[in-house]
Amino acid sequence: MVKGTIKIDAKICKGCELCIIACPQNALALSPNFNDKGYRYVELISNVCTGCANCALVCPEAGITVYREPKPAKKPQVKVE
């Protein structure tokens, strides 16, 4: 399974929750804390992120950066003759 993670810029997040709705893994939630602008910001709540980037695509503030772990290299198959 592909793994990933995200970084949310809490300073610019307005808590619109579009990324929470867009996340197929249900890995995002609103924080109980507030940013400097008075908004509850979104945070990653579980380690099930696949790096699909749905959250970043719908973020109107462009405040989400997605990181994907590279796929492991396939081991060459050895032919037995």
C-alpha atoms as a PDB file:
ATOM      1  CA  MET A   1       0.000   0.000   0.000  1.00  0.00           C
ATOM      2  CA  VAL A   2       1.192   3.491  -0.837  1.00  0.00           C
ATOM      3  CA  LYS A   3       1.958   5.681   2.162  1.00  0.00           C
ATOM      4  CA  GLY A   4       2.033   9.420   2.419  1.00  0.00           C
ATOM      5  CA  THR A   5       1.598  12.324   4.735  1.00  0.00           C
ATOM      6  CA  ILE A   6       0.572  15.946   4.554  1.00  0.00           C
ATOM      7  CA  LYS A   7       1.642  19.213   6.103  1.00  0.00           C
ATOM      8  CA  ILE A   8      -1.064  21.772   6.783  1.00  0.00           C
ATOM      9  CA  ASP A   9      -0.184  25.444   7.119  1.00  0.00           C
ATOM     10  CA  ALA A  10      -2.299  26.168  10.196  1.00  0.00           C
ATOM     11  CA  LYS A  11      -1.628  29.911   9.902  1.00  0.00           C
ATOM     12  CA  ILE A  12      -3.664  30.224   6.691  1.00  0.00           C
ATOM     13  CA  CYS A  13      -6.244  27.461   7.230  1.00  0.00           C
ATOM     14  CA  LYS A  14      -9.778  28.839   7.614  1.00  0.00           C
ATOM     15  CA  GLY A  15     -11.335  25.561   8.717  1.00  0.00           C
ATOM     16  CA  CYS A  16     -13.653  25.249   5.727  1.00  0.00           C
ATOM     17  CA  GLU A  17     -13.547  21.433   6.088  1.00  0.00           C
ATOM     18  CA  LEU A  18     -13.412  20.785   2.324  1.00  0.00           C
ATOM     19  CA  CYS A  19     -10.290  18.680   2.797  1.00  0.00           C
ATOM     20  CA  ILE A  20     -11.968  16.649   5.538  1.00  0.00           C
ATOM     21  CA  ILE A  21     -14.815  15.812   3.169  1.00  0.00           C
ATOM     22  CA  ALA A  22     -12.408  15.023   0.305  1.00  0.00           C
ATOM     23  CA  CYS A  23     -10.207  12.629   2.302  1.00  0.00           C
ATOM     24  CA  PRO A  24     -11.092   9.020   1.403  1.00  0.00           C
ATOM     25  CA  GLN A  25      -9.110   7.726   4.407  1.00  0.00           C
ATOM     26  CA  ASN A  26     -10.886   9.932   7.015  1.00  0.00           C
ATOM     27  CA  ALA A  27      -7.467  11.035   8.247  1.00  0.00           C
ATOM     28  CA  LEU A  28      -8.316  14.706   8.852  1.00  0.00           C
ATOM     29  CA  ALA A  29     -10.282  16.582  11.512  1.00  0.00           C
ATOM     30  CA  LEU A  30     -10.677  20.069  12.900  1.00  0.00           C
ATOM     31  CA  SER A  31      -8.289  20.889  15.693  1.00  0.00           C
ATOM     32  CA  PRO A  32      -9.716  22.001  19.037  1.00  0.00           C
ATOM     33  CA  ASN A  33      -7.170  24.856  18.855  1.00  0.00           C
ATOM     34  CA  PHE A  34      -7.430  28.139  16.965  1.00  0.00           C
ATOM     35  CA  ASN A  35      -4.926  29.849  14.685  1.00  0.00           C
ATOM     36  CA  ASP A  36      -3.949  33.545  14.881  1.00  0.00           C
ATOM     37  CA  LYS A  37      -6.928  34.517  12.717  1.00  0.00           C
ATOM     38  CA  GLY A  38      -9.377  32.809  15.079  1.00  0.00           C
ATOM     39  CA  TYR A  39     -10.168  29.801  12.905  1.00  0.00           C
ATOM     40  CA  ARG A  40     -10.060  26.179  13.965  1.00  0.00           C
ATOM     41  CA  TYR A  41      -7.559  24.618  11.596  1.00  0.00           C
ATOM     42  CA  VAL A  42      -7.431  21.116  10.136  1.00  0.00           C
ATOM     43  CA  GLU A  43      -4.924  18.535  11.327  1.00  0.00           C
ATOM     44  CA  LEU A  44      -3.895  15.007  10.430  1.00  0.00           C
ATOM     45  CA  ILE A  45      -5.392  12.690  13.058  1.00  0.00           C
ATOM     46  CA  SER A  46      -4.305   9.251  11.910  1.00  0.00           C
ATOM     47  CA  ASN A  47      -1.443   7.612  10.059  1.00  0.00           C
ATOM     48  CA  VAL A  48      -3.513   6.196   7.199  1.00  0.00           C
ATOM     49  CA  CYS A  49      -2.717   8.899   4.640  1.00  0.00           C
ATOM     50  CA  THR A  50      -1.970   7.497   1.180  1.00  0.00           C
ATOM     51  CA  GLY A  51      -0.816  10.780  -0.328  1.00  0.00           C
ATOM     52  CA  CYS A  52      -3.730  10.865  -2.771  1.00  0.00           C
ATOM     53  CA  ALA A  53      -3.651  14.715  -2.753  1.00  0.00           C
ATOM     54  CA  ASN A  54      -7.440  15.115  -2.762  1.00  0.00           C
ATOM     55  CA  CYS A  55      -7.168  17.412   0.239  1.00  0.00           C
ATOM     56  CA  ALA A  56      -4.601  19.669  -1.430  1.00  0.00           C
ATOM     57  CA  LEU A  57      -6.642  19.874  -4.627  1.00  0.00           C
ATOM     58  CA  VAL A  58      -9.762  21.186  -2.879  1.00  0.00           C
ATOM     59  CA  CYS A  59      -8.025  23.556  -0.429  1.00  0.00           C
ATOM     60  CA  PRO A  60      -8.999  27.120  -1.443  1.00  0.00           C
ATOM     61  CA  GLU A  61      -6.057  28.549   0.510  1.00  0.00           C
ATOM     62  CA  ALA A  62      -3.464  26.151  -1.012  1.00  0.00           C
ATOM     63  CA  GLY A  63      -2.355  25.419   2.531  1.00  0.00           C
ATOM     64  CA  ILE A  64      -1.716  21.691   2.222  1.00  0.00           C
ATOM     65  CA  THR A  65       1.487  20.072   1.001  1.00  0.00           C
ATOM     66  CA  VAL A  66       1.415  16.363   0.186  1.00  0.00           C
ATOM     67  CA  TYR A  67       4.375  14.028   0.604  1.00  0.00           C
ATOM     68  CA  ARG A  68       4.412  10.496  -0.802  1.00  0.00           C
ATOM     69  CA  GLU A  69       6.820   7.758   0.125  1.00  0.00           C
ATOM     70  CA  PRO A  70       8.395   6.169  -2.951  1.00  0.00           C
ATOM     71  CA  LYS A  71       7.121   2.762  -3.924  1.00  0.00           C
ATOM     72  CA  PRO A  72       9.500   0.007  -2.906  1.00  0.00           C
ATOM     73  CA  ALA A  73      11.530  -1.325  -5.806  1.00  0.00           C
ATOM     74  CA  LYS A  74      10.449  -4.668  -7.123  1.00  0.00           C
ATOM     75  CA  LYS A  75      12.926  -7.418  -6.555  1.00  0.00           C
ATOM     76  CA  PRO A  76      14.118  -9.047  -9.769  1.00  0.00           C
ATOM     77  CA  GLN A  77      12.744 -12.532 -10.178  1.00  0.00           C
ATOM     78  CA  VAL A  78      15.355 -15.221 -10.414  1.00  0.00           C
ATOM     79  CA  LYS A  79      14.713 -17.894 -13.009  1.00  0.00           C
ATOM     80  CA  VAL A  80      15.372 -21.410 -11.836  1.00  0.00           C
ATOM     81  CA  GLU A  81      16.437 -23.702 -14.653  1.00  0.00           C
END
